[in-house]
Amino acid sequence: LTNGSSQTVTYNLNAQLPEGWQISYRVEGSQVTS
């Protein structure tokens, strides 16, 4: 993920999953959603 703007930005991560599926995001070993 690249922030090409000239200011600090908060990104929220979102996914459209089939029913019953699960997703997790990890940044430097820690689980995050944003």
PDB file of all heavy atoms in Angstrom:
ATOM      1  N   LEU A   1       0.861  -1.191   0.000  1.00  0.00           N
ATOM      2  CA  LEU A   1       0.000   0.000   0.000  1.00  0.00           C
ATOM      3  C   LEU A   1       0.892   1.233   0.000  1.00  0.00           C
ATOM      4  O   LEU A   1       1.789   1.361   0.838  1.00  0.00           O
ATOM      5  CB  LEU A   1      -0.907  -0.009   1.231  1.00  0.00           C
ATOM      6  CG  LEU A   1      -1.892   1.153   1.376  1.00  0.00           C
ATOM      7  CD1 LEU A   1      -2.865   1.191   0.209  1.00  0.00           C
ATOM      8  CD2 LEU A   1      -2.644   1.051   2.697  1.00  0.00           C
ATOM      9  N   THR A   2       0.646   2.145  -0.947  1.00  0.00           N
ATOM     10  CA  THR A   2       1.452   3.356  -1.095  1.00  0.00           C
ATOM     11  C   THR A   2       0.586   4.593  -0.912  1.00  0.00           C
ATOM     12  O   THR A   2      -0.440   4.735  -1.583  1.00  0.00           O
ATOM     13  CB  THR A   2       2.122   3.399  -2.485  1.00  0.00           C
ATOM     14  OG1 THR A   2       2.915   2.230  -2.676  1.00  0.00           O
ATOM     15  CG2 THR A   2       3.008   4.630  -2.615  1.00  0.00           C
ATOM     16  N   ASN A   3       1.007   5.462   0.004  1.00  0.00           N
ATOM     17  CA  ASN A   3       0.356   6.760   0.179  1.00  0.00           C
ATOM     18  C   ASN A   3       1.148   7.805  -0.600  1.00  0.00           C
ATOM     19  O   ASN A   3       2.199   8.261  -0.166  1.00  0.00           O
ATOM     20  CB  ASN A   3       0.289   7.130   1.667  1.00  0.00           C
ATOM     21  CG  ASN A   3      -0.285   8.521   1.888  1.00  0.00           C
ATOM     22  OD1 ASN A   3      -0.941   9.084   1.017  1.00  0.00           O
ATOM     23  ND2 ASN A   3      -0.013   9.093   3.053  1.00  0.00           N
ATOM     24  N   GLY A   4       0.638   8.170  -1.766  1.00  0.00           N
ATOM     25  CA  GLY A   4       1.341   9.117  -2.617  1.00  0.00           C
ATOM     26  C   GLY A   4       0.968  10.568  -2.377  1.00  0.00           C
ATOM     27  O   GLY A   4       1.455  11.445  -3.083  1.00  0.00           O
ATOM     28  N   SER A   5       0.115  10.806  -1.356  1.00  0.00           N
ATOM     29  CA  SER A   5      -0.285  12.186  -1.092  1.00  0.00           C
ATOM     30  C   SER A   5       0.774  12.903  -0.263  1.00  0.00           C
ATOM     31  O   SER A   5       1.727  12.296   0.226  1.00  0.00           O
ATOM     32  CB  SER A   5      -1.630  12.208  -0.350  1.00  0.00           C
ATOM     33  OG  SER A   5      -1.484  11.648   0.943  1.00  0.00           O
ATOM     34  N   SER A   6       0.580  14.187  -0.095  1.00  0.00           N
ATOM     35  CA  SER A   6       1.543  15.010   0.642  1.00  0.00           C
ATOM     36  C   SER A   6       1.178  15.174   2.105  1.00  0.00           C
ATOM     37  O   SER A   6       1.722  16.043   2.784  1.00  0.00           O
ATOM     38  CB  SER A   6       1.640  16.396  -0.018  1.00  0.00           C
ATOM     39  OG  SER A   6       0.356  17.023  -0.029  1.00  0.00           O
ATOM     40  N   GLN A   7       0.247  14.330   2.588  1.00  0.00           N
ATOM     41  CA  GLN A   7      -0.179  14.428   3.975  1.00  0.00           C
ATOM     42  C   GLN A   7      -0.366  13.041   4.580  1.00  0.00           C
ATOM     43  O   GLN A   7      -0.473  12.045   3.855  1.00  0.00           O
ATOM     44  CB  GLN A   7      -1.491  15.210   4.069  1.00  0.00           C
ATOM     45  CG  GLN A   7      -2.625  14.582   3.262  1.00  0.00           C
ATOM     46  CD  GLN A   7      -3.880  15.422   3.278  1.00  0.00           C
ATOM     47  OE1 GLN A   7      -3.998  16.349   4.054  1.00  0.00           O
ATOM     48  NE2 GLN A   7      -4.837  15.101   2.408  1.00  0.00           N
ATOM     49  N   THR A   8      -0.405  12.960   5.912  1.00  0.00           N
ATOM     50  CA  THR A   8      -0.639  11.705   6.603  1.00  0.00           C
ATOM     51  C   THR A   8      -2.094  11.282   6.424  1.00  0.00           C
ATOM     52  O   THR A   8      -3.009  12.077   6.593  1.00  0.00           O
ATOM     53  CB  THR A   8      -0.314  11.840   8.100  1.00  0.00           C
ATOM     54  OG1 THR A   8       1.070  12.191   8.240  1.00  0.00           O
ATOM     55  CG2 THR A   8      -0.581  10.543   8.837  1.00  0.00           C
ATOM     56  N   VAL A   9      -2.302  10.001   6.073  1.00  0.00           N
ATOM     57  CA  VAL A   9      -3.641   9.511   5.745  1.00  0.00           C
ATOM     58  C   VAL A   9      -3.888   8.196   6.494  1.00  0.00           C
ATOM     59  O   VAL A   9      -2.982   7.368   6.637  1.00  0.00           O
ATOM     60  CB  VAL A   9      -3.796   9.280   4.222  1.00  0.00           C
ATOM     61  CG1 VAL A   9      -5.128   8.642   3.903  1.00  0.00           C
ATOM     62  CG2 VAL A   9      -3.664  10.595   3.479  1.00  0.00           C
ATOM     63  N   THR A  10      -5.121   7.976   6.955  1.00  0.00           N
ATOM     64  CA  THR A  10      -5.527   6.714   7.566  1.00  0.00           C
ATOM     65  C   THR A  10      -6.350   5.916   6.564  1.00  0.00           C
ATOM     66  O   THR A  10      -7.351   6.401   6.039  1.00  0.00           O
ATOM     67  CB  THR A  10      -6.351   6.950   8.845  1.00  0.00           C
ATOM     68  OG1 THR A  10      -5.540   7.637   9.793  1.00  0.00           O
ATOM     69  CG2 THR A  10      -6.808   5.621   9.440  1.00  0.00           C
ATOM     70  N   TYR A  11      -5.894   4.685   6.287  1.00  0.00           N
ATOM     71  CA  TYR A  11      -6.589   3.805   5.353  1.00  0.00           C
ATOM     72  C   TYR A  11      -7.326   2.713   6.129  1.00  0.00           C
ATOM     73  O   TYR A  11      -6.753   2.062   7.000  1.00  0.00           O
ATOM     74  CB  TYR A  11      -5.603   3.145   4.384  1.00  0.00           C
ATOM     75  CG  TYR A  11      -5.089   4.060   3.304  1.00  0.00           C
ATOM     76  CD1 TYR A  11      -3.858   4.694   3.428  1.00  0.00           C
ATOM     77  CD2 TYR A  11      -5.832   4.276   2.145  1.00  0.00           C
ATOM     78  CE1 TYR A  11      -3.377   5.533   2.426  1.00  0.00           C
ATOM     79  CE2 TYR A  11      -5.350   5.112   1.140  1.00  0.00           C
ATOM     80  CZ  TYR A  11      -4.134   5.730   1.283  1.00  0.00           C
ATOM     81  OH  TYR A  11      -3.666   6.557   0.289  1.00  0.00           O
ATOM     82  N   ASN A  12      -8.609   2.508   5.823  1.00  0.00           N
ATOM     83  CA  ASN A  12      -9.392   1.391   6.357  1.00  0.00           C
ATOM     84  C   ASN A  12      -9.428   0.285   5.306  1.00  0.00           C
ATOM     85  O   ASN A  12      -9.710   0.543   4.135  1.00  0.00           O
ATOM     86  CB  ASN A  12     -10.819   1.840   6.688  1.00  0.00           C
ATOM     87  CG  ASN A  12     -10.855   2.804   7.858  1.00  0.00           C
ATOM     88  OD1 ASN A  12     -10.325   2.510   8.921  1.00  0.00           O
ATOM     89  ND2 ASN A  12     -11.460   3.964   7.657  1.00  0.00           N
ATOM     90  N   LEU A  13      -9.137  -0.943   5.749  1.00  0.00           N
ATOM     91  CA  LEU A  13      -9.065  -2.083   4.837  1.00  0.00           C
ATOM     92  C   LEU A  13     -10.393  -2.817   4.832  1.00  0.00           C
ATOM     93  O   LEU A  13     -10.970  -3.116   5.881  1.00  0.00           O
ATOM     94  CB  LEU A  13      -7.937  -3.013   5.257  1.00  0.00           C
ATOM     95  CG  LEU A  13      -6.554  -2.350   5.333  1.00  0.00           C
ATOM     96  CD1 LEU A  13      -5.536  -3.300   5.936  1.00  0.00           C
ATOM     97  CD2 LEU A  13      -6.102  -1.876   3.955  1.00  0.00           C
ATOM     98  N   ASN A  14     -10.876  -3.107   3.634  1.00  0.00           N
ATOM     99  CA  ASN A  14     -12.190  -3.716   3.483  1.00  0.00           C
ATOM    100  C   ASN A  14     -12.138  -4.758   2.380  1.00  0.00           C
ATOM    101  O   ASN A  14     -11.441  -4.591   1.385  1.00  0.00           O
ATOM    102  CB  ASN A  14     -13.235  -2.627   3.163  1.00  0.00           C
ATOM    103  CG  ASN A  14     -14.614  -3.190   2.961  1.00  0.00           C
ATOM    104  OD1 ASN A  14     -15.001  -3.540   1.852  1.00  0.00           O
ATOM    105  ND2 ASN A  14     -15.374  -3.284   4.045  1.00  0.00           N
ATOM    106  N   ALA A  15     -12.899  -5.873   2.562  1.00  0.00           N
ATOM    107  CA  ALA A  15     -12.941  -6.936   1.561  1.00  0.00           C
ATOM    108  C   ALA A  15     -14.362  -7.440   1.387  1.00  0.00           C
ATOM    109  O   ALA A  15     -15.134  -7.492   2.354  1.00  0.00           O
ATOM    110  CB  ALA A  15     -12.025  -8.082   1.966  1.00  0.00           C
ATOM    111  N   GLN A  16     -14.714  -7.820   0.166  1.00  0.00           N
ATOM    112  CA  GLN A  16     -15.996  -8.458  -0.124  1.00  0.00           C
ATOM    113  C   GLN A  16     -15.739  -9.954  -0.282  1.00  0.00           C
ATOM    114  O   GLN A  16     -15.186 -10.391  -1.289  1.00  0.00           O
ATOM    115  CB  GLN A  16     -16.609  -7.870  -1.390  1.00  0.00           C
ATOM    116  CG  GLN A  16     -16.950  -6.389  -1.271  1.00  0.00           C
ATOM    117  CD  GLN A  16     -17.559  -5.839  -2.546  1.00  0.00           C
ATOM    118  OE1 GLN A  16     -18.071  -6.581  -3.375  1.00  0.00           O
ATOM    119  NE2 GLN A  16     -17.488  -4.529  -2.727  1.00  0.00           N
ATOM    120  N   LEU A  17     -16.148 -10.722   0.737  1.00  0.00           N
ATOM    121  CA  LEU A  17     -15.844 -12.147   0.781  1.00  0.00           C
ATOM    122  C   LEU A  17     -17.086 -12.984   0.506  1.00  0.00           C
ATOM    123  O   LEU A  17     -18.201 -12.576   0.861  1.00  0.00           O
ATOM    124  CB  LEU A  17     -15.281 -12.532   2.142  1.00  0.00           C
ATOM    125  CG  LEU A  17     -13.971 -11.866   2.564  1.00  0.00           C
ATOM    126  CD1 LEU A  17     -13.684 -12.163   4.023  1.00  0.00           C
ATOM    127  CD2 LEU A  17     -12.816 -12.345   1.685  1.00  0.00           C
ATOM    128  N   PRO A  18     -16.912 -14.169  -0.075  1.00  0.00           N
ATOM    129  CA  PRO A  18     -18.050 -15.097  -0.161  1.00  0.00           C
ATOM    130  C   PRO A  18     -18.503 -15.499   1.248  1.00  0.00           C
ATOM    131  O   PRO A  18     -17.750 -15.384   2.210  1.00  0.00           O
ATOM    132  CB  PRO A  18     -17.459 -16.296  -0.921  1.00  0.00           C
ATOM    133  CG  PRO A  18     -16.252 -15.757  -1.629  1.00  0.00           C
ATOM    134  CD  PRO A  18     -15.717 -14.671  -0.759  1.00  0.00           C
ATOM    135  N   GLU A  19     -19.713 -15.988   1.353  1.00  0.00           N
ATOM    136  CA  GLU A  19     -20.278 -16.343   2.653  1.00  0.00           C
ATOM    137  C   GLU A  19     -19.448 -17.438   3.327  1.00  0.00           C
ATOM    138  O   GLU A  19     -19.097 -18.446   2.710  1.00  0.00           O
ATOM    139  CB  GLU A  19     -21.724 -16.829   2.484  1.00  0.00           C
ATOM    140  CG  GLU A  19     -22.429 -17.103   3.795  1.00  0.00           C
ATOM    141  CD  GLU A  19     -23.875 -17.510   3.606  1.00  0.00           C
ATOM    142  OE1 GLU A  19     -24.343 -17.494   2.440  1.00  0.00           O
ATOM    143  OE2 GLU A  19     -24.532 -17.843   4.605  1.00  0.00           O
ATOM    144  N   GLY A  20     -19.125 -17.206   4.603  1.00  0.00           N
ATOM    145  CA  GLY A  20     -18.363 -18.189   5.365  1.00  0.00           C
ATOM    146  C   GLY A  20     -16.857 -18.023   5.283  1.00  0.00           C
ATOM    147  O   GLY A  20     -16.122 -18.713   5.987  1.00  0.00           O
ATOM    148  N   TRP A  21     -16.361 -17.114   4.432  1.00  0.00           N
ATOM    149  CA  TRP A  21     -14.925 -16.887   4.290  1.00  0.00           C
ATOM    150  C   TRP A  21     -14.451 -15.893   5.354  1.00  0.00           C
ATOM    151  O   TRP A  21     -15.230 -15.096   5.871  1.00  0.00           O
ATOM    152  CB  TRP A  21     -14.605 -16.350   2.898  1.00  0.00           C
ATOM    153  CG  TRP A  21     -14.775 -17.362   1.797  1.00  0.00           C
ATOM    154  CD1 TRP A  21     -15.867 -18.136   1.551  1.00  0.00           C
ATOM    155  CD2 TRP A  21     -13.817 -17.701   0.780  1.00  0.00           C
ATOM    156  NE1 TRP A  21     -15.668 -18.928   0.447  1.00  0.00           N
ATOM    157  CE2 TRP A  21     -14.420 -18.680  -0.039  1.00  0.00           C
ATOM    158  CE3 TRP A  21     -12.537 -17.261   0.488  1.00  0.00           C
ATOM    159  CZ2 TRP A  21     -13.768 -19.226  -1.140  1.00  0.00           C
ATOM    160  CZ3 TRP A  21     -11.888 -17.797  -0.609  1.00  0.00           C
ATOM    161  CH2 TRP A  21     -12.488 -18.773  -1.396  1.00  0.00           C
ATOM    162  N   GLN A  22     -13.148 -15.935   5.669  1.00  0.00           N
ATOM    163  CA  GLN A  22     -12.560 -15.030   6.653  1.00  0.00           C
ATOM    164  C   GLN A  22     -11.257 -14.463   6.110  1.00  0.00           C
ATOM    165  O   GLN A  22     -10.560 -15.114   5.324  1.00  0.00           O
ATOM    166  CB  GLN A  22     -12.301 -15.756   7.975  1.00  0.00           C
ATOM    167  CG  GLN A  22     -13.566 -16.229   8.671  1.00  0.00           C
ATOM    168  CD  GLN A  22     -13.274 -16.934   9.980  1.00  0.00           C
ATOM    169  OE1 GLN A  22     -12.177 -17.417  10.216  1.00  0.00           O
ATOM    170  NE2 GLN A  22     -14.271 -16.990  10.852  1.00  0.00           N
ATOM    171  N   ILE A  23     -10.931 -13.227   6.560  1.00  0.00           N
ATOM    172  CA  ILE A  23      -9.713 -12.559   6.104  1.00  0.00           C
ATOM    173  C   ILE A  23      -9.043 -11.864   7.275  1.00  0.00           C
ATOM    174  O   ILE A  23      -9.709 -11.426   8.223  1.00  0.00           O
ATOM    175  CB  ILE A  23     -10.029 -11.534   4.990  1.00  0.00           C
ATOM    176  CG1 ILE A  23      -8.745 -10.985   4.352  1.00  0.00           C
ATOM    177  CG2 ILE A  23     -10.894 -10.401   5.524  1.00  0.00           C
ATOM    178  CD1 ILE A  23      -8.987 -10.157   3.113  1.00  0.00           C
ATOM    179  N   SER A  24      -7.715 -11.815   7.233  1.00  0.00           N
ATOM    180  CA  SER A  24      -6.958 -11.069   8.248  1.00  0.00           C
ATOM    181  C   SER A  24      -5.819 -10.325   7.556  1.00  0.00           C
ATOM    182  O   SER A  24      -5.254 -10.795   6.566  1.00  0.00           O
ATOM    183  CB  SER A  24      -6.388 -12.014   9.314  1.00  0.00           C
ATOM    184  OG  SER A  24      -5.474 -12.936   8.748  1.00  0.00           O
ATOM    185  N   TYR A  25      -5.502  -9.125   8.098  1.00  0.00           N
ATOM    186  CA  TYR A  25      -4.430  -8.274   7.568  1.00  0.00           C
ATOM    187  C   TYR A  25      -3.352  -8.159   8.649  1.00  0.00           C
ATOM    188  O   TYR A  25      -3.668  -7.890   9.818  1.00  0.00           O
ATOM    189  CB  TYR A  25      -4.948  -6.877   7.230  1.00  0.00           C
ATOM    190  CG  TYR A  25      -6.191  -6.854   6.362  1.00  0.00           C
ATOM    191  CD1 TYR A  25      -7.459  -6.852   6.957  1.00  0.00           C
ATOM    192  CD2 TYR A  25      -6.121  -6.806   4.980  1.00  0.00           C
ATOM    193  CE1 TYR A  25      -8.608  -6.810   6.187  1.00  0.00           C
ATOM    194  CE2 TYR A  25      -7.268  -6.764   4.203  1.00  0.00           C
ATOM    195  CZ  TYR A  25      -8.510  -6.769   4.816  1.00  0.00           C
ATOM    196  OH  TYR A  25      -9.643  -6.727   4.049  1.00  0.00           O
ATOM    197  N   ARG A  26      -2.106  -8.315   8.257  1.00  0.00           N
ATOM    198  CA  ARG A  26      -1.001  -8.196   9.210  1.00  0.00           C
ATOM    199  C   ARG A  26       0.055  -7.223   8.687  1.00  0.00           C
ATOM    200  O   ARG A  26       0.458  -7.307   7.528  1.00  0.00           O
ATOM    201  CB  ARG A  26      -0.354  -9.555   9.490  1.00  0.00           C
ATOM    202  CG  ARG A  26      -1.257 -10.483  10.284  1.00  0.00           C
ATOM    203  CD  ARG A  26      -0.532 -11.741  10.752  1.00  0.00           C
ATOM    204  NE  ARG A  26      -1.403 -12.575  11.553  1.00  0.00           N
ATOM    205  CZ  ARG A  26      -1.585 -12.437  12.847  1.00  0.00           C
ATOM    206  NH1 ARG A  26      -0.924 -11.487  13.498  1.00  0.00           N
ATOM    207  NH2 ARG A  26      -2.403 -13.233  13.516  1.00  0.00           N
ATOM    208  N   VAL A  27       0.438  -6.305   9.590  1.00  0.00           N
ATOM    209  CA  VAL A  27       1.494  -5.336   9.291  1.00  0.00           C
ATOM    210  C   VAL A  27       2.572  -5.507  10.346  1.00  0.00           C
ATOM    211  O   VAL A  27       2.307  -5.339  11.547  1.00  0.00           O
ATOM    212  CB  VAL A  27       0.950  -3.893   9.312  1.00  0.00           C
ATOM    213  CG1 VAL A  27       2.091  -2.896   9.133  1.00  0.00           C
ATOM    214  CG2 VAL A  27      -0.089  -3.708   8.208  1.00  0.00           C
ATOM    215  N   GLU A  28       3.769  -5.899   9.907  1.00  0.00           N
ATOM    216  CA  GLU A  28       4.906  -6.124  10.802  1.00  0.00           C
ATOM    217  C   GLU A  28       4.544  -7.084  11.933  1.00  0.00           C
ATOM    218  O   GLU A  28       4.888  -6.888  13.093  1.00  0.00           O
ATOM    219  CB  GLU A  28       5.410  -4.788  11.364  1.00  0.00           C
ATOM    220  CG  GLU A  28       5.910  -3.842  10.278  1.00  0.00           C
ATOM    221  CD  GLU A  28       6.304  -2.478  10.819  1.00  0.00           C
ATOM    222  OE1 GLU A  28       6.130  -2.263  12.039  1.00  0.00           O
ATOM    223  OE2 GLU A  28       6.796  -1.648  10.036  1.00  0.00           O
ATOM    224  N   GLY A  29       3.777  -8.133  11.587  1.00  0.00           N
ATOM    225  CA  GLY A  29       3.434  -9.177  12.549  1.00  0.00           C
ATOM    226  C   GLY A  29       2.188  -8.931  13.362  1.00  0.00           C
ATOM    227  O   GLY A  29       1.703  -9.837  14.042  1.00  0.00           O
ATOM    228  N   SER A  30       1.617  -7.726  13.332  1.00  0.00           N
ATOM    229  CA  SER A  30       0.423  -7.395  14.112  1.00  0.00           C
ATOM    230  C   SER A  30      -0.810  -7.380  13.210  1.00  0.00           C
ATOM    231  O   SER A  30      -0.755  -6.873  12.087  1.00  0.00           O
ATOM    232  CB  SER A  30       0.579  -6.032  14.790  1.00  0.00           C
ATOM    233  OG  SER A  30       1.674  -6.038  15.685  1.00  0.00           O
ATOM    234  N   GLN A  31      -1.909  -7.922  13.720  1.00  0.00           N
ATOM    235  CA  GLN A  31      -3.144  -7.944  12.952  1.00  0.00           C
ATOM    236  C   GLN A  31      -3.819  -6.577  13.023  1.00  0.00           C
ATOM    237  O   GLN A  31      -3.962  -5.992  14.100  1.00  0.00           O
ATOM    238  CB  GLN A  31      -4.080  -9.022  13.483  1.00  0.00           C
ATOM    239  CG  GLN A  31      -5.301  -9.243  12.612  1.00  0.00           C
ATOM    240  CD  GLN A  31      -6.040 -10.518  12.967  1.00  0.00           C
ATOM    241  OE1 GLN A  31      -5.433 -11.484  13.423  1.00  0.00           O
ATOM    242  NE2 GLN A  31      -7.346 -10.534  12.783  1.00  0.00           N
ATOM    243  N   VAL A  32      -4.250  -6.053  11.874  1.00  0.00           N
ATOM    244  CA  VAL A  32      -4.845  -4.710  11.798  1.00  0.00           C
ATOM    245  C   VAL A  32      -6.077  -4.744  10.906  1.00  0.00           C
ATOM    246  O   VAL A  32      -6.290  -5.693  10.135  1.00  0.00           O
ATOM    247  CB  VAL A  32      -3.839  -3.685  11.243  1.00  0.00           C
ATOM    248  CG1 VAL A  32      -2.601  -3.602  12.112  1.00  0.00           C
ATOM    249  CG2 VAL A  32      -3.452  -4.032   9.800  1.00  0.00           C
ATOM    250  N   THR A  33      -6.885  -3.711  11.015  1.00  0.00           N
ATOM    251  CA  THR A  33      -7.992  -3.474  10.080  1.00  0.00           C
ATOM    252  C   THR A  33      -7.873  -2.107   9.425  1.00  0.00           C
ATOM    253  O   THR A  33      -8.595  -1.810   8.487  1.00  0.00           O
ATOM    254  CB  THR A  33      -9.351  -3.580  10.800  1.00  0.00           C
ATOM    255  OG1 THR A  33      -9.360  -2.663  11.899  1.00  0.00           O
ATOM    256  CG2 THR A  33      -9.583  -4.991  11.305  1.00  0.00           C
ATOM    257  N   SER A  34      -6.963  -1.276   9.957  1.00  0.00           N
ATOM    258  CA  SER A  34      -6.683   0.035   9.376  1.00  0.00           C
ATOM    259  C   SER A  34      -5.260   0.421   9.753  1.00  0.00           C
ATOM    260  O   SER A  34      -4.690  -0.130  10.698  1.00  0.00           O
ATOM    261  CB  SER A  34      -7.677   1.092   9.873  1.00  0.00           C
ATOM    262  OG  SER A  34      -7.554   1.261  11.264  1.00  0.00           O
TER     263      SER A  34
END
